[in-house]
Protein backbone atom coordinates (compact mmCIF):
# COMPACT_ATOMS: atom_id res chain seq x y z
CA MET A 1 128.30 188.98 144.55
CA GLN A 2 130.85 186.32 145.12
CA LYS A 3 132.96 184.57 142.58
CA ASN A 4 132.28 180.87 142.32
CA ASN A 5 134.57 178.31 143.91
CA PHE A 6 134.31 175.70 141.18
CA PRO A 7 136.78 175.82 138.33
CA CYS A 8 135.62 173.40 135.65
CA VAL A 9 138.49 171.01 135.76
CA GLU A 10 138.56 167.30 136.18
CA ILE A 11 139.06 166.50 139.84
CA ASN A 12 141.52 163.85 140.92
CA PRO A 13 139.44 161.34 142.94
CA SER A 14 142.03 161.28 145.73
CA VAL A 15 141.61 165.02 146.32
CA ARG A 16 137.96 165.32 145.39
CA PRO A 17 136.00 167.36 147.94
CA SER A 18 133.35 165.53 149.95
CA PHE A 19 129.67 166.18 149.36
CA ALA A 20 129.57 168.26 152.56
CA GLU A 21 132.51 170.40 151.40
CA THR A 22 130.95 170.83 147.97
CA LEU A 23 127.62 171.80 149.54
CA GLU A 24 129.31 174.38 151.77
CA ASN A 25 131.08 175.88 148.74
CA ILE A 26 127.75 176.12 146.90
CA LYS A 27 126.11 177.75 149.91
CA GLU A 28 128.90 180.31 150.01
CA GLN A 29 128.62 180.93 146.26
CA ILE A 30 124.86 181.60 146.45
CA GLU A 31 125.08 183.55 149.72
CA TYR A 32 122.89 181.07 151.61
CA ASP A 33 122.95 183.09 154.83
CA CYS A 34 121.28 186.04 153.05
CA PHE A 35 118.08 184.12 152.32
CA PRO A 36 115.14 184.67 154.66
CA THR A 37 114.87 182.04 157.38
CA GLY A 38 111.59 180.78 155.96
CA MET A 39 113.27 179.95 152.63
CA GLN A 40 116.46 178.33 153.90
CA GLU A 41 115.11 174.78 153.89
CA GLN A 42 114.16 175.02 150.24
CA VAL A 43 117.43 176.81 149.41
CA GLN A 44 119.28 173.95 151.15
CA GLU A 45 117.53 171.47 148.84
CA VAL A 46 118.41 173.49 145.75
CA ALA A 47 122.02 173.81 146.91
CA ALA A 48 122.14 170.01 147.42
CA ILE A 49 120.93 169.50 143.83
CA VAL A 50 123.72 171.77 142.57
CA ALA A 51 126.28 170.04 144.81
CA ASP A 52 125.15 166.66 143.49
CA VAL A 53 125.88 167.80 139.93
CA PHE A 54 129.33 169.05 140.97
CA ARG A 55 130.09 165.62 142.42
CA MET A 56 129.30 163.85 139.11
CA GLN A 57 131.96 162.85 136.62
CA PRO A 58 132.46 165.68 134.08
CA GLN A 59 132.30 163.35 131.08
CA ASP A 60 128.92 161.88 132.07
CA ARG A 61 125.66 163.16 130.61
CA ILE A 62 122.52 164.26 132.42
CA PRO A 63 119.11 165.30 131.13
CA ILE A 64 118.50 169.03 131.26
CA ASP A 65 115.32 170.38 129.70
CA LYS A 66 114.77 167.29 127.50
CA ALA A 67 118.35 167.25 126.20
CA LEU A 68 121.33 165.19 127.34
CA ARG A 69 124.13 167.54 128.31
CA THR A 70 127.62 166.79 129.50
CA VAL A 71 128.02 167.20 133.23
CA SER A 72 131.01 169.48 132.61
CA ASP A 73 128.80 171.88 130.63
CA VAL A 74 126.17 171.88 133.37
CA GLN A 75 128.86 172.39 136.02
CA GLU A 76 130.20 175.38 134.09
CA ILE A 77 126.74 176.96 133.91
CA TYR A 78 125.98 176.16 137.57
CA SER A 79 129.26 177.80 138.58
CA ARG A 80 127.63 181.10 137.54
CA LEU A 81 124.62 180.73 139.84
CA GLN A 82 124.18 183.55 142.33
CA TYR A 83 121.74 184.55 145.04
CA GLU A 84 119.33 186.21 142.59
CA HIS A 85 119.19 183.13 140.36
CA ILE A 86 118.32 180.83 143.25
CA LEU A 87 115.72 183.23 144.62
CA ASN A 88 114.04 183.52 141.22
CA VAL A 89 114.04 179.75 140.64
CA ILE A 90 112.45 179.08 144.02
CA GLU A 91 109.84 181.79 143.56
CA ARG A 92 108.93 180.49 140.09
CA PHE A 93 108.88 176.86 141.27
CA ASN A 94 106.54 177.77 144.12
CA LYS A 95 104.08 179.34 141.66
CA ILE A 96 103.74 176.20 139.52
CA SER A 97 100.09 175.20 139.55
CA TYR A 98 100.54 171.57 138.46
CA GLN A 99 102.17 168.55 140.05
CA VAL A 100 105.87 168.25 139.30
CA LYS A 101 106.58 164.52 139.15
CA SER A 102 110.33 164.80 139.44
CA PRO A 103 111.19 167.99 141.35
CA MET A 104 114.93 167.34 141.29
CA MET A 105 115.04 166.99 137.51
CA TYR A 106 112.72 169.95 137.06
CA LEU A 107 114.84 172.14 139.33
CA ARG A 108 118.03 171.07 137.54
CA SER A 109 116.58 172.37 134.29
CA MET A 110 115.26 175.55 135.90
CA LEU A 111 118.67 176.29 137.41
CA TYR A 112 120.42 175.71 134.09
CA LYS A 113 118.06 177.96 132.13
CA GLU A 114 118.06 180.64 134.83
CA VAL A 115 121.67 181.58 134.11
CA PHE A 116 120.72 182.28 130.48
CA GLU A 117 117.36 183.94 131.05
CA TYR A 118 117.54 185.94 134.28
CA THR A 119 118.57 189.34 132.91
CA SER A 120 116.25 189.19 129.89
CA ALA A 121 113.31 188.06 132.02
CA GLU A 122 113.89 190.93 134.45
CA ALA A 123 114.09 193.45 131.61
CA ASN A 124 110.91 192.04 130.07
CA LEU A 125 109.08 192.21 133.40
CA PHE A 126 110.14 195.83 133.83
CA ARG A 127 108.90 196.75 130.36
CA TYR A 128 105.65 194.85 130.96
CA THR A 129 104.95 196.63 134.24
CA GLN A 130 105.72 199.96 132.58
CA GLY A 131 103.18 199.25 129.79
CA ASP A 132 105.79 198.63 127.10
CA SER A 133 105.88 194.82 126.94
CA VAL A 134 107.70 192.91 124.26
């Protein structure tokens, strides 16, 4: 697993990376090339959502899961995203049985929560499949 390329520091606008550079850094962080070919288009969209957040001003606020959070906090959490997080978010998103009216906002929240919930959700699933659910 790779270390992220996004220290949470305020970026001087004159040296701020372009969207394309930011997107490439995200793709490297999440190991984009390791995703199956059939998923890469959706992974590209998710990476673009993450890159968009990294291009925002750190002091701004954005809605994440019905709460306004500072962009810098969201950037810090997103800097921890890895291949497994993205794969899990996409798989869960694809199983949603209702219409998502704002996929970008929904995915932003899913990505944010994924960093906090991934390990516990995996442990719970293991216990559930072994007949010892919580």
